Amino acid sequence: MTATTLTFHERLLPGPGGWLGTVGLGAIAAIALWPVHAAAAVATGLLVCVGSAVALAATSPVVEVSDGVLRAGSARVPVTLLGSAEALDVAAMRHELGPGLDARAYVCLRAWARTGVRVALDDPADPTPYWLVSTRRPELLVQALRN
């Protein structure tokens, strides 16, 4: 069995508003079915709420640095192929996602994580110039990439 060196790990789960949205979606489903059958409406509302919450959690990407590899969602790159990393506050992230975005960049974005990191890619075989990764802890991710 091999040991894994983990230096950064974050699952980009929604914030409170996202979870409240699942409750709201369940309530809408229940209200829509209430005139038909009250018990079915409650059951459907609960099922929609739980199903939405499970879908949100299951599709939330993981951002991780472990064993010399940066993982953002389904993409992975060895840290040795990375250049400089820059922590981005809300305004800088907004700029990078708008007028500053290079269409060739790899983007792992979740709207509820409004800050992020821009990491240059130094792989001559890859046309991707950089990765833009959402994270709620950009300074810690940059530090993990430097170690």
N, C-alpha and C. Protein backbone atom coordinates (compact mmCIF):
# COMPACT_ATOMS: atom_id res chain seq x y z
N MET A 1 0.85 -1.19 0.00
CA MET A 1 0.00 0.00 0.00
C MET A 1 0.89 1.24 0.00
N THR A 2 0.57 2.21 -0.88
CA THR A 2 1.37 3.42 -0.96
C THR A 2 0.68 4.56 -0.23
N ALA A 3 1.49 5.42 0.33
CA ALA A 3 0.96 6.59 1.03
C ALA A 3 0.74 7.72 0.03
N THR A 4 -0.32 8.47 0.21
CA THR A 4 -0.63 9.60 -0.65
C THR A 4 -0.28 10.89 0.08
N THR A 5 0.50 11.73 -0.59
CA THR A 5 0.84 13.02 -0.03
C THR A 5 -0.18 14.03 -0.51
N LEU A 6 -1.04 14.46 0.39
CA LEU A 6 -2.10 15.40 0.06
C LEU A 6 -1.73 16.77 0.62
N THR A 7 -1.67 17.78 -0.25
CA THR A 7 -1.34 19.11 0.24
C THR A 7 -2.49 20.10 0.12
N PHE A 8 -3.51 19.77 -0.70
CA PHE A 8 -4.68 20.63 -0.83
C PHE A 8 -5.84 19.77 -1.30
N HIS A 9 -7.01 19.99 -0.71
CA HIS A 9 -8.21 19.27 -1.13
C HIS A 9 -9.43 20.15 -0.86
N GLU A 10 -10.27 20.31 -1.87
CA GLU A 10 -11.50 21.06 -1.71
C GLU A 10 -12.54 20.52 -2.69
N ARG A 11 -13.71 20.20 -2.18
CA ARG A 11 -14.85 19.86 -3.03
C ARG A 11 -15.68 21.14 -3.15
N LEU A 12 -15.95 21.55 -4.37
CA LEU A 12 -16.64 22.81 -4.62
C LEU A 12 -18.16 22.64 -4.50
N LEU A 13 -18.60 22.39 -3.28
CA LEU A 13 -20.02 22.25 -2.99
C LEU A 13 -20.69 23.62 -3.03
N PRO A 14 -21.98 23.65 -3.33
CA PRO A 14 -22.70 24.94 -3.34
C PRO A 14 -22.73 25.56 -1.95
N GLY A 15 -22.96 26.85 -1.92
CA GLY A 15 -23.14 27.56 -0.66
C GLY A 15 -24.57 27.42 -0.18
N PRO A 16 -24.93 28.14 0.87
CA PRO A 16 -26.28 28.03 1.43
C PRO A 16 -27.38 28.32 0.41
N GLY A 17 -27.16 29.26 -0.49
CA GLY A 17 -28.17 29.58 -1.50
C GLY A 17 -28.46 28.42 -2.43
N GLY A 18 -27.43 27.67 -2.79
CA GLY A 18 -27.62 26.50 -3.64
C GLY A 18 -28.45 25.42 -2.97
N TRP A 19 -28.16 25.21 -1.69
CA TRP A 19 -28.93 24.20 -0.95
C TRP A 19 -30.36 24.66 -0.73
N LEU A 20 -30.57 25.95 -0.49
CA LEU A 20 -31.93 26.47 -0.36
C LEU A 20 -32.69 26.34 -1.68
N GLY A 21 -31.97 26.44 -2.78
CA GLY A 21 -32.60 26.26 -4.09
C GLY A 21 -33.17 24.86 -4.26
N THR A 22 -32.50 23.86 -3.71
CA THR A 22 -33.03 22.50 -3.81
C THR A 22 -34.32 22.37 -3.01
N VAL A 23 -34.37 23.04 -1.85
CA VAL A 23 -35.61 23.04 -1.05
C VAL A 23 -36.71 23.75 -1.82
N GLY A 24 -36.38 24.88 -2.44
CA GLY A 24 -37.36 25.62 -3.23
C GLY A 24 -37.89 24.81 -4.40
N LEU A 25 -37.01 24.08 -5.06
CA LEU A 25 -37.42 23.24 -6.18
C LEU A 25 -38.37 22.14 -5.71
N GLY A 26 -38.06 21.54 -4.57
CA GLY A 26 -38.95 20.54 -3.99
C GLY A 26 -40.30 21.12 -3.63
N ALA A 27 -40.29 22.34 -3.08
CA ALA A 27 -41.54 23.00 -2.71
C ALA A 27 -42.39 23.30 -3.94
N ILE A 28 -41.76 23.74 -5.01
CA ILE A 28 -42.49 24.02 -6.26
C ILE A 28 -43.13 22.74 -6.79
N ALA A 29 -42.39 21.65 -6.76
CA ALA A 29 -42.94 20.36 -7.23
C ALA A 29 -44.13 19.94 -6.37
N ALA A 30 -44.01 20.12 -5.06
CA ALA A 30 -45.10 19.75 -4.16
C ALA A 30 -46.33 20.63 -4.39
N ILE A 31 -46.12 21.91 -4.55
CA ILE A 31 -47.24 22.83 -4.78
C ILE A 31 -47.95 22.51 -6.09
N ALA A 32 -47.18 22.17 -7.11
CA ALA A 32 -47.77 21.86 -8.41
C ALA A 32 -48.66 20.62 -8.35
N LEU A 33 -48.29 19.66 -7.51
CA LEU A 33 -49.07 18.42 -7.42
C LEU A 33 -50.11 18.43 -6.31
N TRP A 34 -50.10 19.44 -5.47
CA TRP A 34 -51.03 19.48 -4.32
C TRP A 34 -52.50 19.33 -4.74
N PRO A 35 -52.97 20.01 -5.79
CA PRO A 35 -54.38 19.86 -6.17
C PRO A 35 -54.75 18.44 -6.61
N VAL A 36 -53.77 17.69 -7.07
CA VAL A 36 -54.04 16.33 -7.54
C VAL A 36 -54.15 15.36 -6.36
N HIS A 37 -53.12 15.35 -5.49
CA HIS A 37 -53.10 14.43 -4.35
C HIS A 37 -52.07 14.94 -3.34
N ALA A 38 -52.51 15.23 -2.13
CA ALA A 38 -51.64 15.84 -1.13
C ALA A 38 -50.47 14.95 -0.74
N ALA A 39 -50.72 13.67 -0.51
CA ALA A 39 -49.64 12.76 -0.11
C ALA A 39 -48.62 12.59 -1.23
N ALA A 40 -49.09 12.47 -2.46
CA ALA A 40 -48.18 12.35 -3.61
C ALA A 40 -47.38 13.63 -3.78
N ALA A 41 -48.01 14.76 -3.50
CA ALA A 41 -47.32 16.05 -3.62
C ALA A 41 -46.17 16.14 -2.62
N VAL A 42 -46.42 15.76 -1.37
CA VAL A 42 -45.38 15.80 -0.34
C VAL A 42 -44.25 14.83 -0.70
N ALA A 43 -44.61 13.62 -1.10
CA ALA A 43 -43.59 12.62 -1.46
C ALA A 43 -42.76 13.09 -2.65
N THR A 44 -43.42 13.64 -3.65
CA THR A 44 -42.70 14.13 -4.83
C THR A 44 -41.81 15.30 -4.47
N GLY A 45 -42.31 16.21 -3.64
CA GLY A 45 -41.50 17.35 -3.21
C GLY A 45 -40.24 16.91 -2.49
N LEU A 46 -40.39 15.95 -1.59
CA LEU A 46 -39.22 15.42 -0.87
C LEU A 46 -38.26 14.72 -1.82
N LEU A 47 -38.79 13.95 -2.74
CA LEU A 47 -37.95 13.24 -3.70
C LEU A 47 -37.17 14.22 -4.58
N VAL A 48 -37.85 15.26 -5.05
CA VAL A 48 -37.18 16.28 -5.88
C VAL A 48 -36.10 17.00 -5.08
N CYS A 49 -36.41 17.33 -3.82
CA CYS A 49 -35.44 18.02 -2.97
C CYS A 49 -34.20 17.16 -2.74
N VAL A 50 -34.41 15.91 -2.35
CA VAL A 50 -33.28 15.01 -2.09
C VAL A 50 -32.51 14.72 -3.38
N GLY A 51 -33.24 14.48 -4.46
CA GLY A 51 -32.59 14.20 -5.74
C GLY A 51 -31.74 15.37 -6.22
N SER A 52 -32.25 16.58 -6.06
CA SER A 52 -31.50 17.78 -6.46
C SER A 52 -30.24 17.94 -5.60
N ALA A 53 -30.37 17.71 -4.30
CA ALA A 53 -29.22 17.83 -3.41
C ALA A 53 -28.15 16.79 -3.76
N VAL A 54 -28.58 15.57 -4.03
CA VAL A 54 -27.62 14.52 -4.41
C VAL A 54 -26.94 14.88 -5.73
N ALA A 55 -27.71 15.38 -6.69
CA ALA A 55 -27.13 15.77 -7.98
C ALA A 55 -26.12 16.91 -7.83
N LEU A 56 -26.44 17.89 -6.99
CA LEU A 56 -25.50 18.99 -6.76
C LEU A 56 -24.20 18.47 -6.13
N ALA A 57 -24.32 17.61 -5.14
CA ALA A 57 -23.13 17.08 -4.47
C ALA A 57 -22.32 16.19 -5.41
N ALA A 58 -23.00 15.37 -6.20
CA ALA A 58 -22.30 14.44 -7.09
C ALA A 58 -21.58 15.15 -8.22
N THR A 59 -22.09 16.29 -8.65
CA THR A 59 -21.46 16.99 -9.77
C THR A 59 -20.51 18.09 -9.32
N SER A 60 -20.31 18.24 -8.03
CA SER A 60 -19.37 19.24 -7.52
C SER A 60 -17.95 18.74 -7.72
N PRO A 61 -17.13 19.47 -8.47
CA PRO A 61 -15.78 19.00 -8.75
C PRO A 61 -14.87 19.09 -7.52
N VAL A 62 -13.84 18.25 -7.54
CA VAL A 62 -12.81 18.28 -6.51
C VAL A 62 -11.59 18.98 -7.08
N VAL A 63 -11.04 19.90 -6.29
CA VAL A 63 -9.76 20.54 -6.63
C VAL A 63 -8.77 20.01 -5.61
N GLU A 64 -7.67 19.43 -6.10
CA GLU A 64 -6.76 18.73 -5.20
C GLU A 64 -5.34 18.78 -5.73
N VAL A 65 -4.40 18.89 -4.81
CA VAL A 65 -2.99 18.72 -5.13
C VAL A 65 -2.50 17.58 -4.26
N SER A 66 -2.12 16.48 -4.90
CA SER A 66 -1.59 15.34 -4.15
C SER A 66 -0.63 14.56 -5.03
N ASP A 67 0.40 14.04 -4.42
CA ASP A 67 1.42 13.25 -5.10
C ASP A 67 1.96 13.93 -6.36
N GLY A 68 2.13 15.26 -6.28
CA GLY A 68 2.71 16.00 -7.40
C GLY A 68 1.78 16.19 -8.57
N VAL A 69 0.47 16.08 -8.36
CA VAL A 69 -0.50 16.23 -9.44
C VAL A 69 -1.59 17.21 -9.01
N LEU A 70 -1.93 18.15 -9.90
CA LEU A 70 -3.06 19.03 -9.69
C LEU A 70 -4.26 18.40 -10.38
N ARG A 71 -5.33 18.26 -9.63
CA ARG A 71 -6.58 17.72 -10.16
C ARG A 71 -7.66 18.78 -9.99
N ALA A 72 -8.34 19.10 -11.09
CA ALA A 72 -9.44 20.05 -11.06
C ALA A 72 -10.58 19.44 -11.86
N GLY A 73 -11.57 18.94 -11.16
CA GLY A 73 -12.65 18.22 -11.84
C GLY A 73 -12.09 16.91 -12.39
N SER A 74 -12.33 16.66 -13.67
CA SER A 74 -11.85 15.41 -14.27
C SER A 74 -10.46 15.55 -14.88
N ALA A 75 -9.91 16.75 -14.90
CA ALA A 75 -8.59 16.97 -15.50
C ALA A 75 -7.47 16.86 -14.48
N ARG A 76 -6.32 16.38 -14.94
CA ARG A 76 -5.15 16.22 -14.09
C ARG A 76 -3.91 16.68 -14.86
N VAL A 77 -2.97 17.28 -14.12
CA VAL A 77 -1.71 17.68 -14.72
C VAL A 77 -0.62 17.58 -13.65
N PRO A 78 0.54 17.02 -14.01
CA PRO A 78 1.64 16.99 -13.05
C PRO A 78 2.08 18.42 -12.71
N VAL A 79 2.39 18.64 -11.45
CA VAL A 79 2.83 19.96 -10.99
C VAL A 79 4.11 20.38 -11.70
N THR A 80 4.91 19.43 -12.13
CA THR A 80 6.16 19.75 -12.83
C THR A 80 5.91 20.44 -14.17
N LEU A 81 4.69 20.32 -14.72
CA LEU A 81 4.37 20.96 -15.99
C LEU A 81 3.68 22.31 -15.80
N LEU A 82 3.62 22.77 -14.55
CA LEU A 82 2.96 24.03 -14.26
C LEU A 82 3.96 25.15 -14.08
N GLY A 83 3.56 26.33 -14.50
CA GLY A 83 4.37 27.53 -14.30
C GLY A 83 3.87 28.28 -13.08
N SER A 84 3.80 29.58 -13.22
CA SER A 84 3.39 30.42 -12.09
C SER A 84 1.90 30.24 -11.79
N ALA A 85 1.58 30.41 -10.51
CA ALA A 85 0.19 30.34 -10.06
C ALA A 85 -0.15 31.66 -9.39
N GLU A 86 -1.34 32.17 -9.70
CA GLU A 86 -1.76 33.46 -9.16
C GLU A 86 -3.14 33.32 -8.52
N ALA A 87 -3.24 33.73 -7.25
CA ALA A 87 -4.53 33.75 -6.56
C ALA A 87 -5.36 34.91 -7.10
N LEU A 88 -6.64 34.66 -7.35
CA LEU A 88 -7.52 35.68 -7.92
C LEU A 88 -8.66 36.00 -6.96
N ASP A 89 -8.82 37.29 -6.66
CA ASP A 89 -9.97 37.70 -5.85
C ASP A 89 -11.20 37.77 -6.77
N VAL A 90 -12.32 38.22 -6.24
CA VAL A 90 -13.57 38.23 -7.00
C VAL A 90 -13.45 39.07 -8.27
N ALA A 91 -12.89 40.26 -8.16
CA ALA A 91 -12.78 41.15 -9.33
C ALA A 91 -11.83 40.57 -10.37
N ALA A 92 -10.70 40.04 -9.93
CA ALA A 92 -9.74 39.45 -10.88
C ALA A 92 -10.31 38.21 -11.55
N MET A 93 -11.06 37.41 -10.81
CA MET A 93 -11.67 36.21 -11.38
C MET A 93 -12.71 36.61 -12.43
N ARG A 94 -13.49 37.64 -12.13
CA ARG A 94 -14.49 38.12 -13.08
C ARG A 94 -13.81 38.57 -14.37
N HIS A 95 -12.69 39.29 -14.25
CA HIS A 95 -11.95 39.75 -15.43
C HIS A 95 -11.42 38.54 -16.22
N GLU A 96 -10.85 37.57 -15.52
CA GLU A 96 -10.27 36.40 -16.19
C GLU A 96 -11.34 35.59 -16.92
N LEU A 97 -12.55 35.57 -16.40
CA LEU A 97 -13.63 34.83 -17.04
C LEU A 97 -14.31 35.62 -18.15
N GLY A 98 -14.04 36.92 -18.21
CA GLY A 98 -14.64 37.77 -19.24
C GLY A 98 -13.62 38.18 -20.27
N PRO A 99 -13.24 39.46 -20.27
CA PRO A 99 -12.35 39.96 -21.31
C PRO A 99 -10.94 39.36 -21.27
N GLY A 100 -10.53 38.83 -20.12
CA GLY A 100 -9.18 38.27 -20.02
C GLY A 100 -9.08 36.80 -20.38
N LEU A 101 -10.19 36.17 -20.74
CA LEU A 101 -10.19 34.72 -20.98
C LEU A 101 -9.61 34.37 -22.35
N ASP A 102 -8.69 33.42 -22.35
CA ASP A 102 -8.18 32.83 -23.59
C ASP A 102 -9.04 31.60 -23.85
N ALA A 103 -9.59 31.49 -25.03
CA ALA A 103 -10.51 30.39 -25.35
C ALA A 103 -9.84 29.03 -25.25
N ARG A 104 -8.52 28.98 -25.29
CA ARG A 104 -7.81 27.69 -25.19
C ARG A 104 -7.59 27.25 -23.76
N ALA A 105 -7.90 28.09 -22.78
CA ALA A 105 -7.65 27.78 -21.37
C ALA A 105 -8.58 26.67 -20.89
N TYR A 106 -8.09 25.88 -19.94
CA TYR A 106 -8.94 24.91 -19.25
C TYR A 106 -9.60 25.63 -18.08
N VAL A 107 -10.91 25.56 -17.99
CA VAL A 107 -11.64 26.25 -16.94
C VAL A 107 -12.45 25.24 -16.13
N CYS A 108 -12.21 25.22 -14.83
CA CYS A 108 -13.00 24.44 -13.89
C CYS A 108 -13.71 25.45 -13.01
N LEU A 109 -14.96 25.75 -13.34
CA LEU A 109 -15.68 26.88 -12.74
C LEU A 109 -16.94 26.41 -12.03
N ARG A 110 -17.16 26.98 -10.87
CA ARG A 110 -18.43 26.89 -10.18
C ARG A 110 -18.77 28.30 -9.73
N ALA A 111 -19.94 28.79 -10.11
CA ALA A 111 -20.32 30.17 -9.87
C ALA A 111 -20.37 30.50 -8.39
N TRP A 112 -20.62 29.52 -7.56
CA TRP A 112 -20.72 29.80 -6.12
C TRP A 112 -19.37 29.92 -5.45
N ALA A 113 -18.29 29.56 -6.11
CA ALA A 113 -16.93 29.79 -5.61
C ALA A 113 -16.38 30.95 -6.44
N ARG A 114 -16.51 32.15 -5.94
CA ARG A 114 -16.26 33.35 -6.76
C ARG A 114 -14.79 33.73 -6.88
N THR A 115 -13.91 33.11 -6.12
CA THR A 115 -12.48 33.36 -6.24
C THR A 115 -11.84 32.16 -6.93
N GLY A 116 -10.57 32.29 -7.29
CA GLY A 116 -9.93 31.18 -7.98
C GLY A 116 -8.44 31.36 -8.13
N VAL A 117 -7.87 30.52 -8.97
CA VAL A 117 -6.44 30.51 -9.23
C VAL A 117 -6.22 30.37 -10.73
N ARG A 118 -5.27 31.14 -11.23
CA ARG A 118 -4.83 31.01 -12.62
C ARG A 118 -3.44 30.38 -12.57
N VAL A 119 -3.28 29.24 -13.24
CA VAL A 119 -2.02 28.50 -13.23
C VAL A 119 -1.53 28.35 -14.66
N ALA A 120 -0.35 28.88 -14.93
CA ALA A 120 0.24 28.76 -16.26
C ALA A 120 0.65 27.32 -16.52
N LEU A 121 0.52 26.88 -17.75
CA LEU A 121 0.90 25.53 -18.15
C LEU A 121 2.16 25.61 -19.00
N ASP A 122 3.20 24.92 -18.57
CA ASP A 122 4.49 24.93 -19.29
C ASP A 122 4.73 23.58 -19.97
N ASP A 123 3.77 23.14 -20.77
CA ASP A 123 3.90 21.87 -21.49
C ASP A 123 3.89 22.19 -22.99
N PRO A 124 5.04 22.07 -23.66
CA PRO A 124 5.10 22.42 -25.08
C PRO A 124 4.20 21.54 -25.95
N ALA A 125 3.82 20.37 -25.46
CA ALA A 125 2.96 19.48 -26.24
C ALA A 125 1.47 19.79 -26.06
N ASP A 126 1.14 20.71 -25.17
CA ASP A 126 -0.26 21.03 -24.87
C ASP A 126 -0.54 22.47 -25.28
N PRO A 127 -1.55 22.70 -26.13
CA PRO A 127 -1.86 24.07 -26.56
C PRO A 127 -2.57 24.90 -25.49
N THR A 128 -2.94 24.29 -24.37
CA THR A 128 -3.62 25.02 -23.30
C THR A 128 -2.63 25.96 -22.63
N PRO A 129 -2.89 27.28 -22.64
CA PRO A 129 -1.93 28.21 -22.05
C PRO A 129 -1.96 28.24 -20.52
N TYR A 130 -3.14 28.02 -19.94
CA TYR A 130 -3.26 28.07 -18.48
C TYR A 130 -4.55 27.39 -18.04
N TRP A 131 -4.61 27.12 -16.74
CA TRP A 131 -5.82 26.61 -16.10
C TRP A 131 -6.40 27.72 -15.25
N LEU A 132 -7.72 27.85 -15.27
CA LEU A 132 -8.44 28.77 -14.42
C LEU A 132 -9.37 27.92 -13.56
N VAL A 133 -9.09 27.90 -12.26
CA VAL A 133 -9.76 26.97 -11.36
C VAL A 133 -10.47 27.73 -10.24
N SER A 134 -11.74 27.47 -10.07
CA SER A 134 -12.49 28.05 -8.94
C SER A 134 -12.06 27.39 -7.64
N THR A 135 -11.91 28.19 -6.61
CA THR A 135 -11.65 27.69 -5.27
C THR A 135 -12.02 28.78 -4.27
N ARG A 136 -12.47 28.35 -3.11
CA ARG A 136 -12.77 29.32 -2.06
C ARG A 136 -11.52 29.67 -1.26
N ARG A 137 -10.43 28.93 -1.49
CA ARG A 137 -9.18 29.15 -0.75
C ARG A 137 -8.01 29.30 -1.72
N PRO A 138 -8.00 30.37 -2.53
CA PRO A 138 -6.98 30.50 -3.57
C PRO A 138 -5.55 30.58 -3.04
N GLU A 139 -5.34 31.27 -1.93
CA GLU A 139 -3.99 31.40 -1.40
C GLU A 139 -3.42 30.03 -0.99
N LEU A 140 -4.25 29.19 -0.39
CA LEU A 140 -3.80 27.86 0.02
C LEU A 140 -3.49 26.98 -1.18
N LEU A 141 -4.27 27.11 -2.24
CA LEU A 141 -4.00 26.32 -3.45
C LEU A 141 -2.68 26.77 -4.08
N VAL A 142 -2.45 28.06 -4.15
CA VAL A 142 -1.18 28.57 -4.71
C VAL A 142 -0.02 28.06 -3.87
N GLN A 143 -0.15 28.10 -2.56
CA GLN A 143 0.90 27.60 -1.67
C GLN A 143 1.15 26.10 -1.88
N ALA A 144 0.09 25.33 -2.05
CA ALA A 144 0.24 23.89 -2.29
C ALA A 144 0.95 23.62 -3.61
N LEU A 145 0.71 24.44 -4.62
CA LEU A 145 1.35 24.26 -5.91
C LEU A 145 2.83 24.62 -5.86
N ARG A 146 3.21 25.49 -4.95
CA ARG A 146 4.62 25.89 -4.82
C ARG A 146 5.44 24.88 -4.06
N ASN A 147 4.79 24.07 -3.23
CA ASN A 147 5.53 23.06 -2.41
C ASN A 147 5.91 21.85 -3.23
